[in-house]
Amino acid sequence: QVQLVESGGGLVQAGASLRLSCAASGRTLSTSVMGWFRQAPGKEREFVAAISWSGGSTDYADSVKGRFTISRVNAKNTVYLQMNSLKPEDTAVYYCVGDRNFQRLRAAPYVWGQGTQITVSS
């Protein structure tokens, strides 16, 4: 079992920055690829970003490329999502996720956190 706990959500104005954190515990080796999904009101959950165990490979949704940066510190079992130039359309519940590889994570992550709300006002 792997547990993921997000933190860092909140209410910000458009153009602001925010950093999300995700602390993992348990059998973390089964979630070597970590990432983030989000779900806006009335919409389906969508992939945001992912990072490999080493941090050497990353993947981003087109809608966040150039604005969001994913990183991880394995010694702390923590993944981060730095979000810059936030837009109202970034408003959503953000979920930390994990799986064995990028393909599986993008399709249907095995492990999910409980989610944290990000609200961007215009």
N, C-alpha and C. Protein backbone atom coordinates (compact mmCIF):
# COMPACT_ATOMS: atom_id res chain seq x y z
N GLN A 1 0.83 -1.20 0.00
CA GLN A 1 0.00 0.00 0.00
C GLN A 1 0.87 1.25 0.00
N VAL A 2 0.47 2.20 -0.81
CA VAL A 2 1.14 3.49 -0.87
C VAL A 2 0.12 4.56 -0.51
N GLN A 3 0.54 5.48 0.31
CA GLN A 3 -0.31 6.60 0.66
C GLN A 3 0.32 7.89 0.13
N LEU A 4 -0.51 8.73 -0.47
CA LEU A 4 -0.07 10.02 -1.00
C LEU A 4 -0.87 11.12 -0.33
N VAL A 5 -0.18 12.13 0.17
CA VAL A 5 -0.85 13.23 0.85
C VAL A 5 -0.38 14.54 0.24
N GLU A 6 -1.32 15.28 -0.34
CA GLU A 6 -1.01 16.56 -0.98
C GLU A 6 -1.13 17.70 0.02
N SER A 7 -0.41 18.77 -0.27
CA SER A 7 -0.54 20.00 0.50
C SER A 7 -0.14 21.17 -0.39
N GLY A 8 -0.55 22.37 0.02
CA GLY A 8 -0.14 23.56 -0.69
C GLY A 8 -1.22 24.22 -1.52
N GLY A 9 -2.44 23.69 -1.50
CA GLY A 9 -3.51 24.31 -2.27
C GLY A 9 -3.97 25.62 -1.66
N GLY A 10 -4.83 26.33 -2.40
CA GLY A 10 -5.36 27.57 -1.87
C GLY A 10 -5.99 28.43 -2.93
N LEU A 11 -6.27 29.67 -2.55
CA LEU A 11 -6.89 30.65 -3.43
C LEU A 11 -5.86 31.70 -3.80
N VAL A 12 -5.66 31.91 -5.10
CA VAL A 12 -4.70 32.90 -5.57
C VAL A 12 -5.31 33.69 -6.71
N GLN A 13 -4.67 34.81 -7.03
CA GLN A 13 -5.11 35.61 -8.16
C GLN A 13 -4.40 35.15 -9.44
N ALA A 14 -4.99 35.45 -10.55
CA ALA A 14 -4.38 35.12 -11.84
C ALA A 14 -3.00 35.75 -11.93
N GLY A 15 -2.06 34.97 -12.46
CA GLY A 15 -0.70 35.45 -12.58
C GLY A 15 0.20 35.06 -11.42
N ALA A 16 -0.39 34.59 -10.35
CA ALA A 16 0.38 34.22 -9.16
C ALA A 16 1.03 32.85 -9.33
N SER A 17 1.85 32.50 -8.34
CA SER A 17 2.51 31.20 -8.32
C SER A 17 2.10 30.44 -7.06
N LEU A 18 2.20 29.13 -7.17
CA LEU A 18 1.87 28.26 -6.06
C LEU A 18 2.66 26.98 -6.20
N ARG A 19 3.04 26.37 -5.08
CA ARG A 19 3.74 25.10 -5.14
C ARG A 19 2.97 24.05 -4.35
N LEU A 20 2.68 22.95 -5.01
CA LEU A 20 2.06 21.81 -4.36
C LEU A 20 3.12 20.80 -3.96
N SER A 21 2.87 20.13 -2.85
CA SER A 21 3.74 19.05 -2.39
C SER A 21 2.93 17.78 -2.24
N CYS A 22 3.61 16.66 -2.43
CA CYS A 22 2.96 15.36 -2.26
C CYS A 22 3.94 14.46 -1.52
N ALA A 23 3.55 14.06 -0.33
CA ALA A 23 4.38 13.17 0.47
C ALA A 23 3.89 11.74 0.32
N ALA A 24 4.80 10.85 -0.03
CA ALA A 24 4.46 9.44 -0.22
C ALA A 24 4.98 8.60 0.94
N SER A 25 4.22 7.59 1.29
CA SER A 25 4.64 6.66 2.34
C SER A 25 4.16 5.27 1.97
N GLY A 26 4.78 4.27 2.58
CA GLY A 26 4.41 2.89 2.29
C GLY A 26 5.33 2.28 1.24
N ARG A 27 4.77 1.41 0.40
CA ARG A 27 5.55 0.69 -0.62
C ARG A 27 5.78 1.58 -1.83
N THR A 28 6.61 2.58 -1.67
CA THR A 28 6.78 3.60 -2.70
C THR A 28 7.48 3.08 -3.95
N LEU A 29 8.16 1.92 -3.86
CA LEU A 29 8.83 1.39 -5.05
C LEU A 29 7.83 1.04 -6.15
N SER A 30 6.58 0.78 -5.77
CA SER A 30 5.57 0.44 -6.77
C SER A 30 5.06 1.65 -7.52
N THR A 31 5.50 2.81 -7.10
CA THR A 31 5.08 4.05 -7.76
C THR A 31 6.31 4.84 -8.15
N SER A 32 7.13 4.23 -8.99
CA SER A 32 8.38 4.90 -9.36
C SER A 32 8.14 6.16 -10.18
N VAL A 33 7.06 6.17 -10.96
CA VAL A 33 6.68 7.38 -11.69
C VAL A 33 5.60 8.08 -10.89
N MET A 34 5.82 9.35 -10.63
CA MET A 34 4.86 10.14 -9.86
C MET A 34 4.35 11.26 -10.73
N GLY A 35 3.19 11.78 -10.38
CA GLY A 35 2.65 12.85 -11.20
C GLY A 35 1.47 13.55 -10.55
N TRP A 36 0.82 14.35 -11.39
CA TRP A 36 -0.35 15.11 -10.94
C TRP A 36 -1.45 15.03 -12.00
N PHE A 37 -2.66 14.89 -11.53
CA PHE A 37 -3.87 15.03 -12.31
C PHE A 37 -4.67 16.17 -11.71
N ARG A 38 -5.66 16.64 -12.44
CA ARG A 38 -6.56 17.65 -11.90
C ARG A 38 -7.97 17.42 -12.43
N GLN A 39 -8.93 17.93 -11.68
CA GLN A 39 -10.32 17.85 -12.10
C GLN A 39 -11.01 19.16 -11.80
N ALA A 40 -11.43 19.82 -12.88
CA ALA A 40 -12.17 21.07 -12.75
C ALA A 40 -13.65 20.76 -12.59
N PRO A 41 -14.42 21.70 -12.05
CA PRO A 41 -15.85 21.48 -11.86
C PRO A 41 -16.55 21.12 -13.17
N GLY A 42 -17.29 20.02 -13.15
CA GLY A 42 -18.04 19.60 -14.32
C GLY A 42 -17.22 18.96 -15.41
N LYS A 43 -15.93 18.73 -15.15
CA LYS A 43 -15.07 18.14 -16.17
C LYS A 43 -14.45 16.84 -15.66
N GLU A 44 -13.92 16.06 -16.60
CA GLU A 44 -13.25 14.82 -16.23
C GLU A 44 -11.84 15.13 -15.69
N ARG A 45 -11.33 14.18 -14.96
CA ARG A 45 -9.95 14.32 -14.50
C ARG A 45 -9.02 14.30 -15.69
N GLU A 46 -7.96 15.11 -15.63
CA GLU A 46 -7.00 15.18 -16.73
C GLU A 46 -5.57 15.15 -16.21
N PHE A 47 -4.72 14.60 -17.04
CA PHE A 47 -3.30 14.52 -16.73
C PHE A 47 -2.69 15.92 -16.73
N VAL A 48 -1.76 16.16 -15.79
CA VAL A 48 -1.08 17.45 -15.72
C VAL A 48 0.42 17.28 -15.96
N ALA A 49 1.06 16.43 -15.17
CA ALA A 49 2.51 16.27 -15.28
C ALA A 49 2.94 14.97 -14.63
N ALA A 50 4.13 14.48 -15.02
CA ALA A 50 4.69 13.27 -14.44
C ALA A 50 6.20 13.35 -14.45
N ILE A 51 6.81 12.56 -13.55
CA ILE A 51 8.27 12.57 -13.44
C ILE A 51 8.76 11.17 -13.11
N SER A 52 9.88 10.80 -13.69
CA SER A 52 10.45 9.48 -13.45
C SER A 52 11.13 9.42 -12.09
N TRP A 53 11.52 8.20 -11.70
CA TRP A 53 12.16 8.01 -10.40
C TRP A 53 13.42 8.88 -10.26
N SER A 54 14.21 8.92 -11.31
CA SER A 54 15.47 9.67 -11.24
C SER A 54 15.26 11.17 -11.39
N GLY A 55 14.10 11.53 -11.92
CA GLY A 55 13.86 12.94 -12.22
C GLY A 55 14.37 13.34 -13.58
N GLY A 56 15.00 12.41 -14.28
CA GLY A 56 15.58 12.73 -15.57
C GLY A 56 14.58 12.83 -16.71
N SER A 57 13.40 12.27 -16.50
CA SER A 57 12.35 12.34 -17.53
C SER A 57 11.10 12.96 -16.94
N THR A 58 10.52 13.87 -17.69
CA THR A 58 9.28 14.52 -17.28
C THR A 58 8.32 14.57 -18.45
N ASP A 59 7.06 14.75 -18.14
CA ASP A 59 6.01 14.82 -19.15
C ASP A 59 4.99 15.82 -18.67
N TYR A 60 4.48 16.64 -19.59
CA TYR A 60 3.53 17.68 -19.23
C TYR A 60 2.36 17.70 -20.21
N ALA A 61 1.22 18.08 -19.72
CA ALA A 61 0.10 18.38 -20.59
C ALA A 61 0.42 19.67 -21.34
N ASP A 62 -0.07 19.78 -22.57
CA ASP A 62 0.20 20.97 -23.37
C ASP A 62 -0.29 22.24 -22.67
N SER A 63 -1.37 22.14 -21.93
CA SER A 63 -1.97 23.31 -21.30
C SER A 63 -1.11 23.91 -20.18
N VAL A 64 -0.14 23.16 -19.69
CA VAL A 64 0.68 23.67 -18.59
C VAL A 64 2.16 23.79 -18.95
N LYS A 65 2.55 23.33 -20.12
CA LYS A 65 3.95 23.42 -20.53
C LYS A 65 4.45 24.85 -20.47
N GLY A 66 5.63 25.01 -19.90
CA GLY A 66 6.22 26.33 -19.79
C GLY A 66 5.77 27.11 -18.57
N ARG A 67 4.72 26.63 -17.89
CA ARG A 67 4.23 27.32 -16.69
C ARG A 67 4.41 26.46 -15.44
N PHE A 68 4.25 25.17 -15.57
CA PHE A 68 4.35 24.25 -14.43
C PHE A 68 5.65 23.46 -14.52
N THR A 69 6.22 23.16 -13.36
CA THR A 69 7.43 22.35 -13.29
C THR A 69 7.27 21.29 -12.21
N ILE A 70 7.47 20.04 -12.59
CA ILE A 70 7.40 18.95 -11.62
C ILE A 70 8.80 18.55 -11.21
N SER A 71 8.96 18.21 -9.93
CA SER A 71 10.27 17.79 -9.43
C SER A 71 10.04 16.82 -8.26
N ARG A 72 11.12 16.18 -7.84
CA ARG A 72 10.98 15.25 -6.72
C ARG A 72 12.28 15.18 -5.93
N VAL A 73 12.14 14.86 -4.64
CA VAL A 73 13.27 14.62 -3.76
C VAL A 73 13.03 13.25 -3.15
N ASN A 74 13.69 12.24 -3.68
CA ASN A 74 13.44 10.87 -3.25
C ASN A 74 13.81 10.64 -1.79
N ALA A 75 14.81 11.35 -1.31
CA ALA A 75 15.21 11.19 0.09
C ALA A 75 14.08 11.60 1.04
N LYS A 76 13.19 12.44 0.54
CA LYS A 76 12.05 12.89 1.34
C LYS A 76 10.75 12.24 0.89
N ASN A 77 10.84 11.36 -0.13
CA ASN A 77 9.63 10.74 -0.71
C ASN A 77 8.58 11.80 -1.04
N THR A 78 9.05 12.88 -1.64
CA THR A 78 8.16 14.01 -1.91
C THR A 78 8.27 14.45 -3.36
N VAL A 79 7.12 14.75 -3.94
CA VAL A 79 7.03 15.28 -5.30
C VAL A 79 6.44 16.68 -5.21
N TYR A 80 6.90 17.56 -6.07
CA TYR A 80 6.44 18.94 -6.07
C TYR A 80 5.88 19.32 -7.44
N LEU A 81 4.98 20.28 -7.41
CA LEU A 81 4.48 20.87 -8.64
C LEU A 81 4.52 22.38 -8.46
N GLN A 82 5.49 23.01 -9.11
CA GLN A 82 5.60 24.47 -9.09
C GLN A 82 4.73 25.02 -10.20
N MET A 83 3.78 25.85 -9.84
CA MET A 83 2.83 26.39 -10.81
C MET A 83 3.01 27.90 -10.88
N ASN A 84 3.40 28.38 -12.04
CA ASN A 84 3.59 29.81 -12.27
C ASN A 84 2.57 30.33 -13.27
N SER A 85 2.40 31.63 -13.28
CA SER A 85 1.47 32.28 -14.23
C SER A 85 0.12 31.58 -14.23
N LEU A 86 -0.42 31.39 -13.05
CA LEU A 86 -1.69 30.67 -12.94
C LEU A 86 -2.82 31.41 -13.62
N LYS A 87 -3.72 30.64 -14.21
CA LYS A 87 -4.87 31.19 -14.93
C LYS A 87 -6.15 30.69 -14.27
N PRO A 88 -7.25 31.41 -14.45
CA PRO A 88 -8.52 30.92 -13.89
C PRO A 88 -8.87 29.51 -14.34
N GLU A 89 -8.48 29.16 -15.57
CA GLU A 89 -8.78 27.81 -16.06
C GLU A 89 -7.94 26.73 -15.39
N ASP A 90 -6.98 27.12 -14.56
CA ASP A 90 -6.23 26.13 -13.77
C ASP A 90 -6.98 25.74 -12.50
N THR A 91 -8.08 26.41 -12.23
CA THR A 91 -8.88 26.09 -11.06
C THR A 91 -9.36 24.65 -11.12
N ALA A 92 -9.04 23.88 -10.08
CA ALA A 92 -9.39 22.46 -10.07
C ALA A 92 -8.94 21.85 -8.75
N VAL A 93 -9.37 20.63 -8.53
CA VAL A 93 -8.79 19.82 -7.47
C VAL A 93 -7.60 19.09 -8.07
N TYR A 94 -6.46 19.21 -7.44
CA TYR A 94 -5.23 18.61 -7.95
C TYR A 94 -4.91 17.36 -7.12
N TYR A 95 -4.66 16.27 -7.85
CA TYR A 95 -4.40 14.98 -7.21
C TYR A 95 -2.98 14.53 -7.51
N CYS A 96 -2.30 14.09 -6.49
CA CYS A 96 -1.01 13.44 -6.66
C CYS A 96 -1.27 11.98 -7.02
N VAL A 97 -0.51 11.46 -7.99
CA VAL A 97 -0.73 10.09 -8.45
C VAL A 97 0.60 9.38 -8.62
N GLY A 98 0.52 8.04 -8.66
CA GLY A 98 1.73 7.26 -8.87
C GLY A 98 1.44 5.97 -9.58
N ASP A 99 2.43 5.48 -10.33
CA ASP A 99 2.32 4.19 -11.01
C ASP A 99 3.72 3.74 -11.42
N ARG A 100 3.78 2.59 -12.13
CA ARG A 100 5.08 1.99 -12.48
C ARG A 100 5.76 2.67 -13.65
N ASN A 101 4.97 3.21 -14.58
CA ASN A 101 5.59 3.84 -15.74
C ASN A 101 4.70 4.96 -16.26
N PHE A 102 5.23 5.72 -17.20
CA PHE A 102 4.51 6.88 -17.72
C PHE A 102 3.21 6.48 -18.42
N GLN A 103 3.26 5.41 -19.18
CA GLN A 103 2.08 5.02 -19.94
C GLN A 103 0.93 4.67 -19.01
N ARG A 104 1.23 3.89 -18.00
CA ARG A 104 0.19 3.48 -17.05
C ARG A 104 -0.32 4.69 -16.27
N LEU A 105 0.60 5.57 -15.90
CA LEU A 105 0.19 6.73 -15.12
C LEU A 105 -0.74 7.62 -15.93
N ARG A 106 -0.40 7.87 -17.16
CA ARG A 106 -1.25 8.72 -18.00
C ARG A 106 -2.64 8.12 -18.21
N ALA A 107 -2.68 6.81 -18.36
CA ALA A 107 -3.96 6.15 -18.68
C ALA A 107 -4.86 6.03 -17.45
N ALA A 108 -4.30 5.49 -16.38
CA ALA A 108 -5.11 5.24 -15.18
C ALA A 108 -4.18 4.98 -14.02
N PRO A 109 -3.78 6.03 -13.32
CA PRO A 109 -2.83 5.86 -12.21
C PRO A 109 -3.32 4.87 -11.16
N TYR A 110 -2.36 4.11 -10.63
CA TYR A 110 -2.70 3.08 -9.66
C TYR A 110 -3.01 3.67 -8.29
N VAL A 111 -2.27 4.71 -7.93
CA VAL A 111 -2.41 5.30 -6.60
C VAL A 111 -2.79 6.77 -6.72
N TRP A 112 -3.74 7.19 -5.88
CA TRP A 112 -4.21 8.58 -5.87
C TRP A 112 -4.16 9.15 -4.45
N GLY A 113 -3.83 10.43 -4.37
CA GLY A 113 -3.99 11.13 -3.12
C GLY A 113 -5.42 11.60 -2.97
N GLN A 114 -5.69 12.32 -1.89
CA GLN A 114 -7.06 12.75 -1.61
C GLN A 114 -7.42 14.04 -2.35
N GLY A 115 -6.43 14.75 -2.86
CA GLY A 115 -6.68 15.96 -3.63
C GLY A 115 -6.57 17.22 -2.81
N THR A 116 -6.20 18.30 -3.48
CA THR A 116 -6.13 19.62 -2.84
C THR A 116 -6.69 20.65 -3.82
N GLN A 117 -7.47 21.58 -3.32
CA GLN A 117 -8.16 22.55 -4.16
C GLN A 117 -7.26 23.73 -4.49
N ILE A 118 -7.24 24.08 -5.78
CA ILE A 118 -6.59 25.29 -6.26
C ILE A 118 -7.68 26.15 -6.91
N THR A 119 -7.80 27.38 -6.46
CA THR A 119 -8.75 28.30 -7.05
C THR A 119 -8.00 29.54 -7.50
N VAL A 120 -8.13 29.86 -8.78
CA VAL A 120 -7.45 31.02 -9.35
C VAL A 120 -8.51 32.05 -9.74
N SER A 121 -8.48 33.19 -9.11
CA SER A 121 -9.47 34.23 -9.40
C SER A 121 -8.93 35.17 -10.47
N SER A 122 -9.85 35.71 -11.25
CA SER A 122 -9.44 36.62 -12.35
C SER A 122 -9.36 38.07 -11.89
